Structures are given as C-alpha cells and as structure tokens.
Amino acid sequence: MTDQPSIPSSPVPASYRPAHGEQRLYDYSPIVDRAPIRWPGGARIAFYLALNIEHYRVDRPATSIFPDTSAFAPDPLNYGWRDYGPRVGVWRLIESLDRHGVRASVMLNSDAGERYPAIVRAGRDRNWAWIAHGRNNSTFQSTFQNGPDREAERRYLTEVVDSIERTTGTRPRGWLGPALTETFHTPELLAELGLSYLLDWTNDDQPYPLNVPGMYGVPYTVELNDISLFVGKSLSGPDFVRLVKDQLAQLHAESTDSGRVLPLVLHPFVMGQAFRARYLDEALDHIANHPDIWLTTSDEIATHYAATHP
C-alpha cells in the first residue's frame, strides 16, 4: 500500500447529517420550478453511455443469471457468465460504440483497471471518461460503517482513486458505488479527494447541487439498465430498443424549455452477448441520428452544469 498524505478529519456537515431518518445530502427541488438548463449547440437531450467495467471476486456471490449456484465458491456458472464481459463482450460493445461515434463513460473498478489493461488502452485511445466505481463489485461501500470506520473508508477511497488515476492516466471526477452503495461519509470524503459528482442517487432527469460543497448529482438509471431489463425482467432485444426510443421521445417532449439527461447503462457480460448486438446497434443508431442530442460523457455533463449553474 502506498503511503498517502494525511487529510485532516472533520465532522459530517450539519447539512448532511441525517436527522429523524431524513436525508440531508440534497434538497427537495421539483423539476418544474428550476432555472432552465441549456446544453451546448442547442441540444435538448444530453446522452451518455455508462459502460460498467467491473471485476468480481471468485469467492463471493454477486450478480447471477442462475441463483441456485450463486452461494457456491467457486461458482463457475455465474462467475464465468460475468467473466465473459472483459474477455469477449466488451470488444463487441466497443465496435458498436465506434460505429455510432459514442464515447463511453466508464464505471471502472480499480481492480478492473489493474487486471484488464487491454480495456484501459482501448478506452484511452478513444478518450473515454473514467468514473471511480470502487475497488471491485464484490466490495460494497456500505461495508464501512458510518461512525468508527470513517478513516478506513478514507484510506480505501484514496487507494481506489489513486489506482484509477495511475492505470488510466486521468484522475476520476465522478463516483458510482458498487451496487450504488455509499455511507453517510462517502460524498464528503470524495470531495476531499477532488471528485465533483455522484451517480448513485437515481432520482432525477437533470443534474443538481448537493449539500456537500463542490459536489453535484448527475442522473444515472437502474431502469434503462441492461441488468434490470434482461436479467431482472427477462425482456427481449426488441423490447430494449422500444424502451430506449420511448425514453428519448418522452424526455424530448419535456425538454422544450429545459434540457434533460438520458443515461443508458450497459454491462459487457449482458449487452455484450452476441444475440443482443444488433439491438444495441439499432438503439444507438436511433440516438446518434436524433437532431437534438448532445453525445457526451457524464464528466462533460457535470462540468457544463457546474459552469452554467454556479
């Protein structure tokens, strides 16, 4: 472990400390009462593709396609299904993204960055955005308690962020927790490390300020997400295309006076399966050729919002 400079400890800000079960990270803000958002070039929809590049431990249960064996260690059925992603599926997805001029916003486990250098090289060649996604997808942020483990969480987050900066050449600016997990300290600790936005709180179609200075929430989705759609609901490829088109159509209709964000969340072991390739191509073709779309990254969305809504 590399020694890190110490960062002075401070109490959780009063604006964020939970009271009576109420969350204090962000304020209630109805979308109809906000200052309008204007995206670059007059676009009405900011689209980003969240590509989850993850590493899973072989001795712990995780996302599974066949639950009956998920508690086994090892679990060749489910581990092998997940491991299809970095070995095969991601390369199929990269071909599709390249065809449609889409840059990925990569939710990167630091273990994945260290273990899959070929994927990192491909992303650096394509100027992907790199978002910190914990150490691996078998270690949830909620492992750290909200009281005595604060300093342990600080050390852990420092190691994760520094590792991603080392492997990708870029210090991450955003955070998505493994399984979208946090402690009550996570946002403040990430701000101390120089990060400026979170994707964990899937509660909006627009970015918004958090009550941690310098931090914003940027939309992410657990609905338009290949795990939820294909694994959770057993939907088909044509269903996926229809949902993407419907989401874009509705957001576009609502964006006359203020821009919206359309995230699409993919995992290489799910969307990267061969029989789904044509449906991703169809969805991306529809998005990329829409006249009012800004094809961008979550980094650029956060930066633009912070600059125009100080």
Protein backbone atom coordinates (compact mmCIF):
# COMPACT_ATOMS: atom_id res chain seq x y z
CA MET A 1 0.00 0.00 0.00
CA THR A 2 1.35 3.43 -0.93
CA ASP A 3 1.56 5.92 1.91
CA GLN A 4 -0.88 8.77 1.37
CA PRO A 5 -0.67 12.31 2.74
CA SER A 6 -2.96 12.70 5.72
CA ILE A 7 -6.16 14.65 5.24
CA PRO A 8 -7.50 16.45 8.31
CA SER A 9 -10.61 14.83 9.70
CA SER A 10 -13.76 16.88 10.05
CA PRO A 11 -17.27 16.11 11.26
CA VAL A 12 -20.03 15.39 8.79
CA PRO A 13 -21.51 18.80 7.84
CA ALA A 14 -24.75 19.62 9.63
CA SER A 15 -26.42 19.97 6.22
CA TYR A 16 -25.73 16.29 5.55
CA ARG A 17 -26.02 14.61 8.97
CA PRO A 18 -29.28 12.58 8.96
CA ALA A 19 -31.90 13.59 11.50
CA HIS A 20 -35.05 11.63 12.32
CA GLY A 21 -34.44 9.40 9.32
CA GLU A 22 -34.39 12.33 6.88
CA GLN A 23 -31.69 12.51 4.21
CA ARG A 24 -29.72 15.77 4.15
CA LEU A 25 -27.48 15.24 1.12
CA TYR A 26 -29.72 17.21 -1.23
CA ASP A 27 -32.75 19.47 -1.03
CA TYR A 28 -36.17 18.80 -2.50
CA SER A 29 -36.40 20.56 -5.87
CA PRO A 30 -39.37 19.93 -8.21
CA ILE A 31 -38.19 19.88 -11.80
CA VAL A 32 -40.92 22.34 -12.86
CA ASP A 33 -39.53 25.11 -10.59
CA ARG A 34 -35.86 25.19 -11.67
CA ALA A 35 -33.79 27.55 -13.75
CA PRO A 36 -33.61 26.18 -17.30
CA ILE A 37 -30.68 24.11 -18.49
CA ARG A 38 -29.21 24.84 -21.94
CA TRP A 39 -26.96 22.17 -23.41
CA PRO A 40 -24.19 23.02 -25.91
CA GLY A 41 -25.22 23.58 -29.51
CA GLY A 42 -28.88 23.99 -28.61
CA ALA A 43 -29.29 20.28 -27.85
CA ARG A 44 -32.27 19.32 -25.74
CA ILE A 45 -31.00 15.93 -24.52
CA ALA A 46 -27.56 15.14 -23.12
CA PHE A 47 -26.91 11.44 -23.77
CA TYR A 48 -24.17 9.42 -22.15
CA LEU A 49 -23.50 5.70 -22.20
CA ALA A 50 -22.43 4.25 -18.86
CA LEU A 51 -20.18 1.25 -19.52
CA ASN A 52 -19.54 -0.78 -16.37
CA ILE A 53 -16.08 -2.35 -16.42
CA GLU A 54 -16.02 -4.47 -13.31
CA HIS A 55 -14.04 -7.16 -11.52
CA TYR A 56 -15.65 -9.78 -9.29
CA ARG A 57 -14.02 -11.92 -6.61
CA VAL A 58 -14.27 -15.64 -7.26
CA ASP A 59 -15.05 -16.43 -3.61
CA ARG A 60 -18.10 -14.21 -3.11
CA PRO A 61 -21.64 -14.26 -4.55
CA ALA A 62 -22.56 -11.49 -6.98
CA THR A 63 -24.93 -10.67 -9.84
CA SER A 64 -26.17 -14.02 -11.10
CA ILE A 65 -28.13 -15.43 -14.00
CA PHE A 66 -28.77 -18.72 -12.13
CA PRO A 67 -29.36 -18.06 -8.40
CA ASP A 68 -29.25 -21.74 -7.35
CA THR A 69 -25.44 -21.83 -7.50
CA SER A 70 -24.70 -18.24 -6.51
CA ALA A 71 -23.68 -19.11 -2.93
CA PHE A 72 -21.05 -21.65 -4.07
CA ALA A 73 -17.34 -20.83 -4.07
CA PRO A 74 -16.24 -21.23 -6.72
CA ASP A 75 -19.38 -20.73 -8.81
CA PRO A 76 -18.25 -21.46 -12.39
CA LEU A 77 -21.70 -20.90 -13.90
CA ASN A 78 -22.24 -17.35 -12.68
CA TYR A 79 -18.61 -16.27 -12.39
CA GLY A 80 -17.95 -17.44 -15.94
CA TRP A 81 -21.04 -15.59 -17.18
CA ARG A 82 -19.73 -12.37 -15.63
CA ASP A 83 -16.18 -13.02 -16.82
CA TYR A 84 -17.43 -13.17 -20.42
CA GLY A 85 -17.59 -9.37 -20.24
CA PRO A 86 -13.90 -8.40 -20.12
CA ARG A 87 -12.84 -11.36 -22.27
CA VAL A 88 -15.36 -11.06 -25.14
CA GLY A 89 -18.40 -8.89 -24.59
CA VAL A 90 -16.67 -5.54 -24.14
CA TRP A 91 -14.97 -5.80 -27.53
CA ARG A 92 -18.30 -6.33 -29.23
CA LEU A 93 -19.68 -3.26 -27.44
CA ILE A 94 -16.65 -1.18 -28.43
CA GLU A 95 -17.26 -1.97 -32.10
CA SER A 96 -20.84 -0.74 -31.77
CA LEU A 97 -19.87 2.44 -29.93
CA ASP A 98 -17.25 3.19 -32.56
CA ARG A 99 -19.74 2.76 -35.38
CA HIS A 100 -22.02 5.38 -33.88
CA GLY A 101 -19.43 7.84 -32.56
CA VAL A 102 -20.30 7.27 -28.90
CA ARG A 103 -17.65 7.75 -26.21
CA ALA A 104 -18.13 5.66 -23.10
CA SER A 105 -18.39 6.96 -19.55
CA VAL A 106 -16.69 4.02 -17.84
CA MET A 107 -17.71 2.96 -14.35
CA LEU A 108 -14.33 1.43 -13.50
CA ASN A 109 -13.48 -0.79 -10.56
CA SER A 110 -9.86 -0.08 -9.66
CA ASP A 111 -9.20 -3.85 -9.67
CA ALA A 112 -10.52 -3.98 -13.24
CA GLY A 113 -8.18 -1.17 -14.27
CA GLU A 114 -5.24 -3.14 -12.91
CA ARG A 115 -6.29 -6.54 -14.27
CA TYR A 116 -7.62 -5.63 -17.72
CA PRO A 117 -5.00 -3.29 -19.24
CA ALA A 118 -6.16 -4.01 -22.80
CA ILE A 119 -9.56 -2.48 -22.00
CA VAL A 120 -7.92 0.56 -20.43
CA ARG A 121 -5.71 1.01 -23.50
CA ALA A 122 -8.77 0.84 -25.76
CA GLY A 123 -10.51 3.46 -23.63
CA ARG A 124 -7.52 5.79 -23.54
CA ASP A 125 -7.30 5.58 -27.33
CA ARG A 126 -10.96 6.67 -27.51
CA ASN A 127 -10.82 9.40 -24.85
CA TRP A 128 -13.33 7.67 -22.59
CA ALA A 129 -14.33 9.27 -19.30
CA TRP A 130 -13.28 7.28 -16.22
CA ILE A 131 -15.59 7.22 -13.19
CA ALA A 132 -14.48 5.66 -9.91
CA HIS A 133 -16.58 2.55 -9.17
CA GLY A 134 -14.96 1.18 -6.03
CA ARG A 135 -12.28 -1.48 -5.81
CA ASN A 136 -14.38 -4.35 -7.19
CA ASN A 137 -18.03 -5.26 -7.48
CA SER A 138 -17.79 -7.72 -4.62
CA THR A 139 -16.92 -4.99 -2.06
CA PHE A 140 -19.82 -2.64 -1.34
CA GLN A 141 -19.25 0.81 0.11
CA SER A 142 -21.75 0.02 2.86
CA THR A 143 -19.09 -2.35 4.26
CA PHE A 144 -17.75 0.73 6.01
CA GLN A 145 -19.80 1.82 9.00
CA ASN A 146 -20.92 5.43 9.32
CA GLY A 147 -19.03 6.04 12.55
CA PRO A 148 -15.81 4.30 13.57
CA ASP A 149 -14.82 3.20 10.04
CA ARG A 150 -14.65 6.74 8.63
CA GLU A 151 -10.84 6.75 8.46
CA ALA A 152 -10.79 3.25 6.99
CA GLU A 153 -13.18 4.46 4.30
CA ARG A 154 -10.95 7.47 3.64
CA ARG A 155 -7.93 5.20 3.11
CA TYR A 156 -9.93 2.86 0.90
CA LEU A 157 -11.29 5.66 -1.31
CA THR A 158 -7.83 7.19 -1.61
CA GLU A 159 -6.41 3.86 -2.80
CA VAL A 160 -9.24 3.40 -5.31
CA VAL A 161 -8.98 6.90 -6.80
CA ASP A 162 -5.18 6.83 -6.94
CA SER A 163 -5.20 3.40 -8.61
CA ILE A 164 -7.60 4.57 -11.32
CA GLU A 165 -5.51 7.67 -11.93
CA ARG A 166 -2.41 5.50 -12.23
CA THR A 167 -3.89 2.98 -14.67
CA THR A 168 -5.89 5.36 -16.87
CA GLY A 169 -3.70 8.46 -16.69
CA THR A 170 -6.73 10.51 -15.59
CA ARG A 171 -7.89 11.31 -12.09
CA PRO A 172 -11.60 10.40 -11.88
CA ARG A 173 -14.04 13.22 -11.27
CA GLY A 174 -17.18 11.17 -10.66
CA TRP A 175 -18.23 8.27 -8.44
CA LEU A 176 -20.61 5.33 -8.75
CA GLY A 177 -20.55 2.97 -5.79
CA PRO A 178 -20.55 -0.78 -6.41
CA ALA A 179 -24.28 -1.58 -6.45
CA LEU A 180 -24.73 2.21 -5.96
CA THR A 181 -23.70 1.98 -2.29
CA GLU A 182 -22.41 4.75 -0.03
CA THR A 183 -22.01 5.58 3.63
CA PHE A 184 -23.09 8.93 5.06
CA HIS A 185 -19.43 9.99 4.83
CA THR A 186 -18.73 8.94 1.23
CA PRO A 187 -19.69 12.16 -0.61
CA GLU A 188 -17.67 14.37 1.72
CA LEU A 189 -14.62 12.09 1.54
CA LEU A 190 -14.81 12.00 -2.24
CA ALA A 191 -14.98 15.81 -2.35
CA GLU A 192 -11.79 15.95 -0.27
CA LEU A 193 -10.14 13.73 -2.91
CA GLY A 194 -11.11 16.16 -5.67
CA LEU A 195 -14.17 14.41 -7.11
CA SER A 196 -17.11 16.61 -8.05
CA TYR A 197 -20.16 14.45 -8.76
CA LEU A 198 -22.08 11.33 -7.74
CA LEU A 199 -24.17 8.98 -9.87
CA ASP A 200 -25.58 6.87 -7.01
CA TRP A 201 -28.80 8.78 -6.32
CA THR A 202 -31.01 7.91 -9.29
CA ASN A 203 -33.68 10.48 -8.53
CA ASP A 204 -33.67 12.98 -11.40
CA ASP A 205 -33.51 13.73 -15.13
CA GLN A 206 -31.22 16.73 -14.56
CA PRO A 207 -28.03 17.43 -12.61
CA TYR A 208 -28.43 19.24 -9.29
CA PRO A 209 -26.23 20.57 -6.47
CA LEU A 210 -25.57 18.50 -3.36
CA ASN A 211 -25.17 19.87 0.16
CA VAL A 212 -21.51 18.88 0.14
CA PRO A 213 -19.60 21.89 -1.23
CA GLY A 214 -18.41 21.39 -4.80
CA MET A 215 -20.43 18.20 -5.33
CA TYR A 216 -23.29 17.55 -7.75
CA GLY A 217 -25.68 14.73 -8.52
CA VAL A 218 -25.75 13.58 -12.15
CA PRO A 219 -28.53 11.30 -13.45
CA TYR A 220 -27.91 7.55 -13.67
CA THR A 221 -30.50 4.83 -14.17
CA VAL A 222 -31.39 1.47 -12.69
CA GLU A 223 -34.34 1.25 -15.12
CA LEU A 224 -32.76 1.77 -18.56
CA ASN A 225 -30.08 -0.66 -17.48
CA ASP A 226 -29.32 -3.96 -19.19
CA ILE A 227 -29.15 -5.95 -15.93
CA SER A 228 -32.58 -4.72 -14.83
CA LEU A 229 -34.11 -5.24 -18.26
CA PHE A 230 -32.58 -8.50 -19.44
CA VAL A 231 -31.72 -10.28 -16.18
CA GLY A 232 -34.29 -8.79 -13.84
CA LYS A 233 -37.27 -8.64 -16.22
CA SER A 234 -36.23 -11.10 -18.96
CA LEU A 235 -37.05 -8.61 -21.70
CA SER A 236 -36.04 -9.18 -25.33
CA GLY A 237 -33.80 -7.23 -27.68
CA PRO A 238 -36.78 -5.60 -29.46
CA ASP A 239 -38.16 -4.63 -26.03
CA PHE A 240 -34.86 -2.91 -25.27
CA VAL A 241 -34.94 -0.87 -28.48
CA ARG A 242 -38.53 0.15 -27.87
CA LEU A 243 -37.77 1.30 -24.33
CA VAL A 244 -34.77 3.37 -25.46
CA LYS A 245 -36.88 5.03 -28.16
CA ASP A 246 -39.75 5.67 -25.76
CA GLN A 247 -37.43 7.17 -23.14
CA LEU A 248 -35.88 9.52 -25.68
CA ALA A 249 -39.25 10.55 -27.11
CA GLN A 250 -40.69 11.42 -23.71
CA LEU A 251 -37.63 13.32 -22.50
CA HIS A 252 -37.50 15.20 -25.78
CA ALA A 253 -41.13 16.22 -25.42
CA GLU A 254 -40.44 17.52 -21.91
CA SER A 255 -37.27 19.40 -22.82
CA THR A 256 -38.76 22.33 -24.75
CA ASP A 257 -37.81 24.80 -22.02
CA SER A 258 -35.03 22.97 -20.16
CA GLY A 259 -32.60 20.20 -21.11
CA ARG A 260 -32.73 16.64 -19.83
CA VAL A 261 -30.18 13.82 -19.39
CA LEU A 262 -30.57 10.38 -20.97
CA PRO A 263 -28.21 7.78 -19.46
CA LEU A 264 -28.02 4.26 -20.88
CA VAL A 265 -26.33 1.69 -18.61
CA LEU A 266 -24.58 -1.36 -20.05
CA HIS A 267 -22.56 -4.28 -18.69
CA PRO A 268 -20.37 -6.22 -21.16
CA PHE A 269 -21.45 -9.62 -19.81
CA VAL A 270 -25.10 -8.72 -20.51
CA MET A 271 -25.35 -6.41 -23.52
CA GLY A 272 -22.14 -7.88 -24.94
CA GLN A 273 -23.79 -11.22 -25.70
CA ALA A 274 -23.75 -11.94 -29.44
CA PHE A 275 -27.51 -12.22 -29.90
CA ARG A 276 -28.03 -8.73 -28.45
CA ALA A 277 -25.51 -6.91 -30.65
CA ARG A 278 -27.97 -5.93 -33.37
CA TYR A 279 -30.33 -4.37 -30.84
CA LEU A 280 -27.66 -2.16 -29.31
CA ASP A 281 -26.73 -1.03 -32.82
CA GLU A 282 -30.36 -0.20 -33.55
CA ALA A 283 -30.75 1.78 -30.32
CA LEU A 284 -27.50 3.71 -30.78
CA ASP A 285 -28.31 4.46 -34.41
CA HIS A 286 -31.61 6.00 -33.30
CA ILE A 287 -29.95 8.10 -30.60
CA ALA A 288 -26.91 9.22 -32.60
CA ASN A 289 -29.06 10.39 -35.52
CA HIS A 290 -31.56 12.31 -33.44
CA PRO A 291 -31.29 16.04 -34.24
CA ASP A 292 -31.44 17.35 -30.67
CA ILE A 293 -28.90 15.06 -28.97
CA TRP A 294 -25.60 16.01 -27.37
CA LEU A 295 -23.48 12.82 -27.43
CA THR A 296 -21.31 13.37 -24.39
CA THR A 297 -19.98 11.89 -21.14
CA SER A 298 -21.04 12.17 -17.53
CA ASP A 299 -17.88 14.24 -16.88
CA GLU A 300 -18.87 16.80 -19.51
CA ILE A 301 -22.45 16.96 -18.23
CA ALA A 302 -21.25 17.70 -14.70
CA THR A 303 -18.74 20.29 -15.92
CA HIS A 304 -21.26 22.11 -18.11
CA TYR A 305 -23.89 22.18 -15.39
CA ALA A 306 -21.45 23.47 -12.75
CA ALA A 307 -20.25 26.21 -15.11
CA THR A 308 -23.74 27.38 -16.07
CA HIS A 309 -25.48 26.91 -12.70
CA PRO A 310 -22.94 28.09 -10.13
